[in-house]
Amino acid sequence: FALFSEIAQRVWLCLLDEDRNETR
């Protein structure tokens, strides 16, 4: 996974299950 952001201070990848429960 790779995401561009010059302005970001912190970034979380959020993995979702079928019910949109989130694992960061």
mmCIF file of all heavy atoms, coordinates in Angstrom:
data_MODEL
# 
_entry.id   MODEL 
# 
loop_
_atom_site.group_PDB 
_atom_site.id 
_atom_site.type_symbol 
_atom_site.label_atom_id 
_atom_site.label_alt_id 
_atom_site.label_comp_id 
_atom_site.label_asym_id 
_atom_site.label_entity_id 
_atom_site.label_seq_id 
_atom_site.pdbx_PDB_ins_code 
_atom_site.Cartn_x 
_atom_site.Cartn_y 
_atom_site.Cartn_z 
_atom_site.occupancy 
_atom_site.B_iso_or_equiv 
_atom_site.pdbx_formal_charge 
_atom_site.auth_seq_id 
_atom_site.auth_comp_id 
_atom_site.auth_asym_id 
_atom_site.auth_atom_id 
_atom_site.pdbx_PDB_model_num 
ATOM 1   N N   . PHE A 1 1  ? 0.847   -1.187  0.000  1.00 0.00 ? 1  PHE A N   1 
ATOM 2   C CA  . PHE A 1 1  ? 0.000   0.000   0.000  1.00 0.00 ? 1  PHE A CA  1 
ATOM 3   C C   . PHE A 1 1  ? 0.884   1.238   0.000  1.00 0.00 ? 1  PHE A C   1 
ATOM 4   O O   . PHE A 1 1  ? 1.830   1.331   0.786  1.00 0.00 ? 1  PHE A O   1 
ATOM 5   C CB  . PHE A 1 1  ? -0.907  0.031   1.233  1.00 0.00 ? 1  PHE A CB  1 
ATOM 6   C CG  . PHE A 1 1  ? -1.916  -1.083  1.291  1.00 0.00 ? 1  PHE A CG  1 
ATOM 7   C CD1 . PHE A 1 1  ? -1.592  -2.304  1.869  1.00 0.00 ? 1  PHE A CD1 1 
ATOM 8   C CD2 . PHE A 1 1  ? -3.186  -0.910  0.774  1.00 0.00 ? 1  PHE A CD2 1 
ATOM 9   C CE1 . PHE A 1 1  ? -2.522  -3.334  1.931  1.00 0.00 ? 1  PHE A CE1 1 
ATOM 10  C CE2 . PHE A 1 1  ? -4.127  -1.933  0.829  1.00 0.00 ? 1  PHE A CE2 1 
ATOM 11  C CZ  . PHE A 1 1  ? -3.793  -3.146  1.405  1.00 0.00 ? 1  PHE A CZ  1 
ATOM 12  N N   . ALA A 1 2  ? 0.591   2.201   -0.865 1.00 0.00 ? 2  ALA A N   1 
ATOM 13  C CA  . ALA A 1 2  ? 1.369   3.431   -0.937 1.00 0.00 ? 2  ALA A CA  1 
ATOM 14  C C   . ALA A 1 2  ? 0.448   4.597   -1.252 1.00 0.00 ? 2  ALA A C   1 
ATOM 15  O O   . ALA A 1 2  ? -0.373  4.522   -2.163 1.00 0.00 ? 2  ALA A O   1 
ATOM 16  C CB  . ALA A 1 2  ? 2.455   3.321   -1.999 1.00 0.00 ? 2  ALA A CB  1 
ATOM 17  N N   . LEU A 1 3  ? 0.592   5.685   -0.489 1.00 0.00 ? 3  LEU A N   1 
ATOM 18  C CA  . LEU A 1 3  ? -0.276  6.857   -0.618 1.00 0.00 ? 3  LEU A CA  1 
ATOM 19  C C   . LEU A 1 3  ? 0.561   8.127   -0.577 1.00 0.00 ? 3  LEU A C   1 
ATOM 20  O O   . LEU A 1 3  ? 1.364   8.313   0.343  1.00 0.00 ? 3  LEU A O   1 
ATOM 21  C CB  . LEU A 1 3  ? -1.299  6.890   0.524  1.00 0.00 ? 3  LEU A CB  1 
ATOM 22  C CG  . LEU A 1 3  ? -2.266  8.082   0.539  1.00 0.00 ? 3  LEU A CG  1 
ATOM 23  C CD1 . LEU A 1 3  ? -3.368  7.873   -0.485 1.00 0.00 ? 3  LEU A CD1 1 
ATOM 24  C CD2 . LEU A 1 3  ? -2.860  8.282   1.934  1.00 0.00 ? 3  LEU A CD2 1 
ATOM 25  N N   . PHE A 1 4  ? 0.367   9.002   -1.562 1.00 0.00 ? 4  PHE A N   1 
ATOM 26  C CA  . PHE A 1 4  ? 1.051   10.298  -1.554 1.00 0.00 ? 4  PHE A CA  1 
ATOM 27  C C   . PHE A 1 4  ? 0.305   11.295  -0.677 1.00 0.00 ? 4  PHE A C   1 
ATOM 28  O O   . PHE A 1 4  ? -0.909  11.448  -0.784 1.00 0.00 ? 4  PHE A O   1 
ATOM 29  C CB  . PHE A 1 4  ? 1.146   10.874  -2.968 1.00 0.00 ? 4  PHE A CB  1 
ATOM 30  C CG  . PHE A 1 4  ? 1.493   12.349  -2.985 1.00 0.00 ? 4  PHE A CG  1 
ATOM 31  C CD1 . PHE A 1 4  ? 2.801   12.758  -2.879 1.00 0.00 ? 4  PHE A CD1 1 
ATOM 32  C CD2 . PHE A 1 4  ? 0.489   13.311  -3.055 1.00 0.00 ? 4  PHE A CD2 1 
ATOM 33  C CE1 . PHE A 1 4  ? 3.125   14.110  -2.871 1.00 0.00 ? 4  PHE A CE1 1 
ATOM 34  C CE2 . PHE A 1 4  ? 0.793   14.667  -3.047 1.00 0.00 ? 4  PHE A CE2 1 
ATOM 35  C CZ  . PHE A 1 4  ? 2.118   15.067  -2.951 1.00 0.00 ? 4  PHE A CZ  1 
ATOM 36  N N   . SER A 1 5  ? 1.029   11.993  0.192  1.00 0.00 ? 5  SER A N   1 
ATOM 37  C CA  . SER A 1 5  ? 0.512   13.172  0.879  1.00 0.00 ? 5  SER A CA  1 
ATOM 38  C C   . SER A 1 5  ? 1.692   13.946  1.440  1.00 0.00 ? 5  SER A C   1 
ATOM 39  O O   . SER A 1 5  ? 2.422   13.455  2.300  1.00 0.00 ? 5  SER A O   1 
ATOM 40  C CB  . SER A 1 5  ? -0.451  12.814  2.016  1.00 0.00 ? 5  SER A CB  1 
ATOM 41  O OG  . SER A 1 5  ? -0.885  14.001  2.671  1.00 0.00 ? 5  SER A OG  1 
ATOM 42  N N   . GLU A 1 6  ? 1.869   15.142  0.932  1.00 0.00 ? 6  GLU A N   1 
ATOM 43  C CA  . GLU A 1 6  ? 2.956   15.997  1.412  1.00 0.00 ? 6  GLU A CA  1 
ATOM 44  C C   . GLU A 1 6  ? 2.581   16.690  2.708  1.00 0.00 ? 6  GLU A C   1 
ATOM 45  O O   . GLU A 1 6  ? 3.436   16.989  3.540  1.00 0.00 ? 6  GLU A O   1 
ATOM 46  C CB  . GLU A 1 6  ? 3.290   17.033  0.337  1.00 0.00 ? 6  GLU A CB  1 
ATOM 47  C CG  . GLU A 1 6  ? 4.466   17.926  0.667  1.00 0.00 ? 6  GLU A CG  1 
ATOM 48  C CD  . GLU A 1 6  ? 4.838   18.853  -0.474 1.00 0.00 ? 6  GLU A CD  1 
ATOM 49  O OE1 . GLU A 1 6  ? 4.239   18.723  -1.566 1.00 0.00 ? 6  GLU A OE1 1 
ATOM 50  O OE2 . GLU A 1 6  ? 5.736   19.704  -0.281 1.00 0.00 ? 6  GLU A OE2 1 
ATOM 51  N N   . ILE A 1 7  ? 1.293   16.937  2.916  1.00 0.00 ? 7  ILE A N   1 
ATOM 52  C CA  . ILE A 1 7  ? 0.839   17.717  4.053  1.00 0.00 ? 7  ILE A CA  1 
ATOM 53  C C   . ILE A 1 7  ? 0.554   16.854  5.284  1.00 0.00 ? 7  ILE A C   1 
ATOM 54  O O   . ILE A 1 7  ? 0.465   17.347  6.405  1.00 0.00 ? 7  ILE A O   1 
ATOM 55  C CB  . ILE A 1 7  ? -0.424  18.520  3.667  1.00 0.00 ? 7  ILE A CB  1 
ATOM 56  C CG1 . ILE A 1 7  ? -0.669  19.671  4.635  1.00 0.00 ? 7  ILE A CG1 1 
ATOM 57  C CG2 . ILE A 1 7  ? -1.640  17.597  3.577  1.00 0.00 ? 7  ILE A CG2 1 
ATOM 58  C CD1 . ILE A 1 7  ? 0.368   20.767  4.549  1.00 0.00 ? 7  ILE A CD1 1 
ATOM 59  N N   . ALA A 1 8  ? 0.429   15.527  5.101  1.00 0.00 ? 8  ALA A N   1 
ATOM 60  C CA  . ALA A 1 8  ? 0.020   14.644  6.196  1.00 0.00 ? 8  ALA A CA  1 
ATOM 61  C C   . ALA A 1 8  ? 1.038   14.638  7.332  1.00 0.00 ? 8  ALA A C   1 
ATOM 62  O O   . ALA A 1 8  ? 2.252   14.727  7.117  1.00 0.00 ? 8  ALA A O   1 
ATOM 63  C CB  . ALA A 1 8  ? -0.187  13.232  5.678  1.00 0.00 ? 8  ALA A CB  1 
ATOM 64  N N   . GLN A 1 9  ? 0.509   14.507  8.548  1.00 0.00 ? 9  GLN A N   1 
ATOM 65  C CA  . GLN A 1 9  ? 1.348   14.334  9.737  1.00 0.00 ? 9  GLN A CA  1 
ATOM 66  C C   . GLN A 1 9  ? 1.309   12.885  10.231 1.00 0.00 ? 9  GLN A C   1 
ATOM 67  O O   . GLN A 1 9  ? 2.300   12.371  10.733 1.00 0.00 ? 9  GLN A O   1 
ATOM 68  C CB  . GLN A 1 9  ? 0.879   15.292  10.838 1.00 0.00 ? 9  GLN A CB  1 
ATOM 69  C CG  . GLN A 1 9  ? 1.047   16.753  10.443 1.00 0.00 ? 9  GLN A CG  1 
ATOM 70  C CD  . GLN A 1 9  ? 0.246   17.704  11.299 1.00 0.00 ? 9  GLN A CD  1 
ATOM 71  O OE1 . GLN A 1 9  ? -0.620  17.278  12.092 1.00 0.00 ? 9  GLN A OE1 1 
ATOM 72  N NE2 . GLN A 1 9  ? 0.498   19.005  11.162 1.00 0.00 ? 9  GLN A NE2 1 
ATOM 73  N N   . ARG A 1 10 ? 0.165   12.228  10.057 1.00 0.00 ? 10 ARG A N   1 
ATOM 74  C CA  . ARG A 1 10 ? 0.033   10.795  10.352 1.00 0.00 ? 10 ARG A CA  1 
ATOM 75  C C   . ARG A 1 10 ? -0.958  10.208  9.341  1.00 0.00 ? 10 ARG A C   1 
ATOM 76  O O   . ARG A 1 10 ? -1.891  10.894  8.898  1.00 0.00 ? 10 ARG A O   1 
ATOM 77  C CB  . ARG A 1 10 ? -0.471  10.537  11.777 1.00 0.00 ? 10 ARG A CB  1 
ATOM 78  C CG  . ARG A 1 10 ? 0.439   11.038  12.876 1.00 0.00 ? 10 ARG A CG  1 
ATOM 79  C CD  . ARG A 1 10 ? -0.168  10.792  14.242 1.00 0.00 ? 10 ARG A CD  1 
ATOM 80  N NE  . ARG A 1 10 ? -0.113  9.384   14.630 1.00 0.00 ? 10 ARG A NE  1 
ATOM 81  C CZ  . ARG A 1 10 ? -0.655  8.896   15.763 1.00 0.00 ? 10 ARG A CZ  1 
ATOM 82  N NH1 . ARG A 1 10 ? -1.344  9.706   16.564 1.00 0.00 ? 10 ARG A NH1 1 
ATOM 83  N NH2 . ARG A 1 10 ? -0.543  7.627   16.056 1.00 0.00 ? 10 ARG A NH2 1 
ATOM 84  N N   . VAL A 1 11 ? -0.740  8.935   8.958  1.00 0.00 ? 11 VAL A N   1 
ATOM 85  C CA  . VAL A 1 11 ? -1.616  8.262   8.008  1.00 0.00 ? 11 VAL A CA  1 
ATOM 86  C C   . VAL A 1 11 ? -1.935  6.870   8.523  1.00 0.00 ? 11 VAL A C   1 
ATOM 87  O O   . VAL A 1 11 ? -1.032  6.144   8.976  1.00 0.00 ? 11 VAL A O   1 
ATOM 88  C CB  . VAL A 1 11 ? -0.963  8.167   6.609  1.00 0.00 ? 11 VAL A CB  1 
ATOM 89  C CG1 . VAL A 1 11 ? -1.833  7.332   5.669  1.00 0.00 ? 11 VAL A CG1 1 
ATOM 90  C CG2 . VAL A 1 11 ? -0.737  9.553   6.019  1.00 0.00 ? 11 VAL A CG2 1 
ATOM 91  N N   . TRP A 1 12 ? -3.208  6.494   8.479  1.00 0.00 ? 12 TRP A N   1 
ATOM 92  C CA  . TRP A 1 12 ? -3.636  5.142   8.848  1.00 0.00 ? 12 TRP A CA  1 
ATOM 93  C C   . TRP A 1 12 ? -4.277  4.456   7.637  1.00 0.00 ? 12 TRP A C   1 
ATOM 94  O O   . TRP A 1 12 ? -5.141  5.034   6.962  1.00 0.00 ? 12 TRP A O   1 
ATOM 95  C CB  . TRP A 1 12 ? -4.671  5.178   9.978  1.00 0.00 ? 12 TRP A CB  1 
ATOM 96  C CG  . TRP A 1 12 ? -4.119  5.608   11.295 1.00 0.00 ? 12 TRP A CG  1 
ATOM 97  C CD1 . TRP A 1 12 ? -3.542  4.836   12.272 1.00 0.00 ? 12 TRP A CD1 1 
ATOM 98  C CD2 . TRP A 1 12 ? -4.116  6.959   11.796 1.00 0.00 ? 12 TRP A CD2 1 
ATOM 99  N NE1 . TRP A 1 12 ? -3.172  5.611   13.340 1.00 0.00 ? 12 TRP A NE1 1 
ATOM 100 C CE2 . TRP A 1 12 ? -3.510  6.915   13.077 1.00 0.00 ? 12 TRP A CE2 1 
ATOM 101 C CE3 . TRP A 1 12 ? -4.543  8.183   11.283 1.00 0.00 ? 12 TRP A CE3 1 
ATOM 102 C CZ2 . TRP A 1 12 ? -3.337  8.055   13.851 1.00 0.00 ? 12 TRP A CZ2 1 
ATOM 103 C CZ3 . TRP A 1 12 ? -4.371  9.320   12.047 1.00 0.00 ? 12 TRP A CZ3 1 
ATOM 104 C CH2 . TRP A 1 12 ? -3.778  9.250   13.314 1.00 0.00 ? 12 TRP A CH2 1 
ATOM 105 N N   . LEU A 1 13 ? -3.838  3.254   7.381  1.00 0.00 ? 13 LEU A N   1 
ATOM 106 C CA  . LEU A 1 13 ? -4.529  2.378   6.442  1.00 0.00 ? 13 LEU A CA  1 
ATOM 107 C C   . LEU A 1 13 ? -5.635  1.687   7.216  1.00 0.00 ? 13 LEU A C   1 
ATOM 108 O O   . LEU A 1 13 ? -5.389  1.100   8.286  1.00 0.00 ? 13 LEU A O   1 
ATOM 109 C CB  . LEU A 1 13 ? -3.555  1.348   5.866  1.00 0.00 ? 13 LEU A CB  1 
ATOM 110 C CG  . LEU A 1 13 ? -4.167  0.196   5.069  1.00 0.00 ? 13 LEU A CG  1 
ATOM 111 C CD1 . LEU A 1 13 ? -4.790  0.706   3.781  1.00 0.00 ? 13 LEU A CD1 1 
ATOM 112 C CD2 . LEU A 1 13 ? -3.105  -0.869  4.779  1.00 0.00 ? 13 LEU A CD2 1 
ATOM 113 N N   . CYS A 1 14 ? -6.854  1.739   6.694  1.00 0.00 ? 14 CYS A N   1 
ATOM 114 C CA  . CYS A 1 14 ? -8.011  1.173   7.383  1.00 0.00 ? 14 CYS A CA  1 
ATOM 115 C C   . CYS A 1 14 ? -8.519  -0.036  6.603  1.00 0.00 ? 14 CYS A C   1 
ATOM 116 O O   . CYS A 1 14 ? -9.015  0.107   5.483  1.00 0.00 ? 14 CYS A O   1 
ATOM 117 C CB  . CYS A 1 14 ? -9.112  2.218   7.522  1.00 0.00 ? 14 CYS A CB  1 
ATOM 118 S SG  . CYS A 1 14 ? -8.559  3.740   8.320  1.00 0.00 ? 14 CYS A SG  1 
ATOM 119 N N   . LEU A 1 15 ? -8.395  -1.215  7.198  1.00 0.00 ? 15 LEU A N   1 
ATOM 120 C CA  . LEU A 1 15 ? -8.870  -2.457  6.591  1.00 0.00 ? 15 LEU A CA  1 
ATOM 121 C C   . LEU A 1 15 ? -10.274 -2.734  7.103  1.00 0.00 ? 15 LEU A C   1 
ATOM 122 O O   . LEU A 1 15 ? -10.538 -2.693  8.310  1.00 0.00 ? 15 LEU A O   1 
ATOM 123 C CB  . LEU A 1 15 ? -7.928  -3.608  6.938  1.00 0.00 ? 15 LEU A CB  1 
ATOM 124 C CG  . LEU A 1 15 ? -6.459  -3.387  6.543  1.00 0.00 ? 15 LEU A CG  1 
ATOM 125 C CD1 . LEU A 1 15 ? -5.596  -4.538  7.062  1.00 0.00 ? 15 LEU A CD1 1 
ATOM 126 C CD2 . LEU A 1 15 ? -6.311  -3.240  5.036  1.00 0.00 ? 15 LEU A CD2 1 
ATOM 127 N N   . LEU A 1 16 ? -11.195 -3.028  6.186  1.00 0.00 ? 16 LEU A N   1 
ATOM 128 C CA  . LEU A 1 16 ? -12.611 -3.141  6.535  1.00 0.00 ? 16 LEU A CA  1 
ATOM 129 C C   . LEU A 1 16 ? -13.125 -4.545  6.285  1.00 0.00 ? 16 LEU A C   1 
ATOM 130 O O   . LEU A 1 16 ? -12.778 -5.180  5.279  1.00 0.00 ? 16 LEU A O   1 
ATOM 131 C CB  . LEU A 1 16 ? -13.433 -2.146  5.712  1.00 0.00 ? 16 LEU A CB  1 
ATOM 132 C CG  . LEU A 1 16 ? -12.944 -0.689  5.697  1.00 0.00 ? 16 LEU A CG  1 
ATOM 133 C CD1 . LEU A 1 16 ? -13.784 0.132   4.740  1.00 0.00 ? 16 LEU A CD1 1 
ATOM 134 C CD2 . LEU A 1 16 ? -12.989 -0.099  7.093  1.00 0.00 ? 16 LEU A CD2 1 
ATOM 135 N N   . ASP A 1 17 ? -13.977 -5.034  7.205  1.00 0.00 ? 17 ASP A N   1 
ATOM 136 C CA  . ASP A 1 17 ? -14.653 -6.298  6.951  1.00 0.00 ? 17 ASP A CA  1 
ATOM 137 C C   . ASP A 1 17 ? -15.996 -6.022  6.289  1.00 0.00 ? 17 ASP A C   1 
ATOM 138 O O   . ASP A 1 17 ? -16.312 -4.883  5.938  1.00 0.00 ? 17 ASP A O   1 
ATOM 139 C CB  . ASP A 1 17 ? -14.799 -7.111  8.239  1.00 0.00 ? 17 ASP A CB  1 
ATOM 140 C CG  . ASP A 1 17 ? -15.701 -6.447  9.284  1.00 0.00 ? 17 ASP A CG  1 
ATOM 141 O OD1 . ASP A 1 17 ? -16.463 -5.512  8.918  1.00 0.00 ? 17 ASP A OD1 1 
ATOM 142 O OD2 . ASP A 1 17 ? -15.658 -6.853  10.449 1.00 0.00 ? 17 ASP A OD2 1 
ATOM 143 N N   . GLU A 1 18 ? -16.815 -7.059  6.116  1.00 0.00 ? 18 GLU A N   1 
ATOM 144 C CA  . GLU A 1 18 ? -18.074 -6.904  5.387  1.00 0.00 ? 18 GLU A CA  1 
ATOM 145 C C   . GLU A 1 18 ? -19.038 -5.939  6.061  1.00 0.00 ? 18 GLU A C   1 
ATOM 146 O O   . GLU A 1 18 ? -19.888 -5.341  5.412  1.00 0.00 ? 18 GLU A O   1 
ATOM 147 C CB  . GLU A 1 18 ? -18.740 -8.269  5.208  1.00 0.00 ? 18 GLU A CB  1 
ATOM 148 C CG  . GLU A 1 18 ? -17.984 -9.197  4.264  1.00 0.00 ? 18 GLU A CG  1 
ATOM 149 C CD  . GLU A 1 18 ? -18.710 -10.516 4.063  1.00 0.00 ? 18 GLU A CD  1 
ATOM 150 O OE1 . GLU A 1 18 ? -19.776 -10.697 4.703  1.00 0.00 ? 18 GLU A OE1 1 
ATOM 151 O OE2 . GLU A 1 18 ? -18.229 -11.341 3.273  1.00 0.00 ? 18 GLU A OE2 1 
ATOM 152 N N   . ASP A 1 19 ? -18.930 -5.800  7.385  1.00 0.00 ? 19 ASP A N   1 
ATOM 153 C CA  . ASP A 1 19 ? -19.809 -4.894  8.126  1.00 0.00 ? 19 ASP A CA  1 
ATOM 154 C C   . ASP A 1 19 ? -19.179 -3.526  8.341  1.00 0.00 ? 19 ASP A C   1 
ATOM 155 O O   . ASP A 1 19 ? -19.672 -2.733  9.132  1.00 0.00 ? 19 ASP A O   1 
ATOM 156 C CB  . ASP A 1 19 ? -20.169 -5.522  9.477  1.00 0.00 ? 19 ASP A CB  1 
ATOM 157 C CG  . ASP A 1 19 ? -20.937 -6.828  9.316  1.00 0.00 ? 19 ASP A CG  1 
ATOM 158 O OD1 . ASP A 1 19 ? -21.798 -6.884  8.420  1.00 0.00 ? 19 ASP A OD1 1 
ATOM 159 O OD2 . ASP A 1 19 ? -20.657 -7.786  10.065 1.00 0.00 ? 19 ASP A OD2 1 
ATOM 160 N N   . ARG A 1 20 ? -18.075 -3.283  7.669  1.00 0.00 ? 20 ARG A N   1 
ATOM 161 C CA  . ARG A 1 20 ? -17.316 -2.029  7.782  1.00 0.00 ? 20 ARG A CA  1 
ATOM 162 C C   . ARG A 1 20 ? -16.732 -1.834  9.183  1.00 0.00 ? 20 ARG A C   1 
ATOM 163 O O   . ARG A 1 20 ? -16.553 -0.695  9.629  1.00 0.00 ? 20 ARG A O   1 
ATOM 164 C CB  . ARG A 1 20 ? -18.171 -0.819  7.379  1.00 0.00 ? 20 ARG A CB  1 
ATOM 165 C CG  . ARG A 1 20 ? -18.548 -0.799  5.899  1.00 0.00 ? 20 ARG A CG  1 
ATOM 166 C CD  . ARG A 1 20 ? -17.787 0.259   5.142  1.00 0.00 ? 20 ARG A CD  1 
ATOM 167 N NE  . ARG A 1 20 ? -17.975 0.147   3.708  1.00 0.00 ? 20 ARG A NE  1 
ATOM 168 C CZ  . ARG A 1 20 ? -18.024 1.171   2.868  1.00 0.00 ? 20 ARG A CZ  1 
ATOM 169 N NH1 . ARG A 1 20 ? -17.908 2.400   3.323  1.00 0.00 ? 20 ARG A NH1 1 
ATOM 170 N NH2 . ARG A 1 20 ? -18.164 0.969   1.575  1.00 0.00 ? 20 ARG A NH2 1 
ATOM 171 N N   . ASN A 1 21 ? -16.441 -2.943  9.854  1.00 0.00 ? 21 ASN A N   1 
ATOM 172 C CA  . ASN A 1 21 ? -15.630 -2.838  11.049 1.00 0.00 ? 21 ASN A CA  1 
ATOM 173 C C   . ASN A 1 21 ? -14.200 -2.584  10.611 1.00 0.00 ? 21 ASN A C   1 
ATOM 174 O O   . ASN A 1 21 ? -13.719 -3.168  9.635  1.00 0.00 ? 21 ASN A O   1 
ATOM 175 C CB  . ASN A 1 21 ? -15.718 -4.115  11.886 1.00 0.00 ? 21 ASN A CB  1 
ATOM 176 C CG  . ASN A 1 21 ? -17.125 -4.369  12.402 1.00 0.00 ? 21 ASN A CG  1 
ATOM 177 O OD1 . ASN A 1 21 ? -17.735 -3.480  12.995 1.00 0.00 ? 21 ASN A OD1 1 
ATOM 178 N ND2 . ASN A 1 21 ? -17.655 -5.561  12.161 1.00 0.00 ? 21 ASN A ND2 1 
ATOM 179 N N   . GLU A 1 22 ? -13.509 -1.747  11.326 1.00 0.00 ? 22 GLU A N   1 
ATOM 180 C CA  . GLU A 1 22 ? -12.260 -1.168  10.861 1.00 0.00 ? 22 GLU A CA  1 
ATOM 181 C C   . GLU A 1 22 ? -11.064 -1.649  11.676 1.00 0.00 ? 22 GLU A C   1 
ATOM 182 O O   . GLU A 1 22 ? -11.097 -1.659  12.908 1.00 0.00 ? 22 GLU A O   1 
ATOM 183 C CB  . GLU A 1 22 ? -12.398 0.357   10.954 1.00 0.00 ? 22 GLU A CB  1 
ATOM 184 C CG  . GLU A 1 22 ? -11.190 1.173   10.631 1.00 0.00 ? 22 GLU A CG  1 
ATOM 185 C CD  . GLU A 1 22 ? -11.447 2.653   10.857 1.00 0.00 ? 22 GLU A CD  1 
ATOM 186 O OE1 . GLU A 1 22 ? -12.542 2.993   11.386 1.00 0.00 ? 22 GLU A OE1 1 
ATOM 187 O OE2 . GLU A 1 22 ? -10.567 3.462   10.537 1.00 0.00 ? 22 GLU A OE2 1 
ATOM 188 N N   . THR A 1 23 ? -10.026 -2.069  10.970 1.00 0.00 ? 23 THR A N   1 
ATOM 189 C CA  . THR A 1 23 ? -8.734  -2.360  11.600 1.00 0.00 ? 23 THR A CA  1 
ATOM 190 C C   . THR A 1 23 ? -7.731  -1.365  11.054 1.00 0.00 ? 23 THR A C   1 
ATOM 191 O O   . THR A 1 23 ? -7.489  -1.319  9.851  1.00 0.00 ? 23 THR A O   1 
ATOM 192 C CB  . THR A 1 23 ? -8.266  -3.790  11.277 1.00 0.00 ? 23 THR A CB  1 
ATOM 193 O OG1 . THR A 1 23 ? -9.228  -4.726  11.769 1.00 0.00 ? 23 THR A OG1 1 
ATOM 194 C CG2 . THR A 1 23 ? -6.905  -4.060  11.903 1.00 0.00 ? 23 THR A CG2 1 
ATOM 195 N N   . ARG A 1 24 ? -7.147  -0.565  11.957 1.00 0.00 ? 24 ARG A N   1 
ATOM 196 C CA  . ARG A 1 24 ? -6.230  0.477   11.511 1.00 0.00 ? 24 ARG A CA  1 
ATOM 197 C C   . ARG A 1 24 ? -4.779  0.007   11.569 1.00 0.00 ? 24 ARG A C   1 
ATOM 198 O O   . ARG A 1 24 ? -4.363  -0.637  12.537 1.00 0.00 ? 24 ARG A O   1 
ATOM 199 C CB  . ARG A 1 24 ? -6.387  1.743   12.354 1.00 0.00 ? 24 ARG A CB  1 
ATOM 200 C CG  . ARG A 1 24 ? -7.742  2.408   12.239 1.00 0.00 ? 24 ARG A CG  1 
ATOM 201 C CD  . ARG A 1 24 ? -7.736  3.770   12.930 1.00 0.00 ? 24 ARG A CD  1 
ATOM 202 N NE  . ARG A 1 24 ? -9.065  4.381   12.910 1.00 0.00 ? 24 ARG A NE  1 
ATOM 203 C CZ  . ARG A 1 24 ? -9.341  5.596   13.367 1.00 0.00 ? 24 ARG A CZ  1 
ATOM 204 N NH1 . ARG A 1 24 ? -8.352  6.337   13.889 1.00 0.00 ? 24 ARG A NH1 1 
ATOM 205 N NH2 . ARG A 1 24 ? -10.560 6.068   13.316 1.00 0.00 ? 24 ARG A NH2 1 
# 
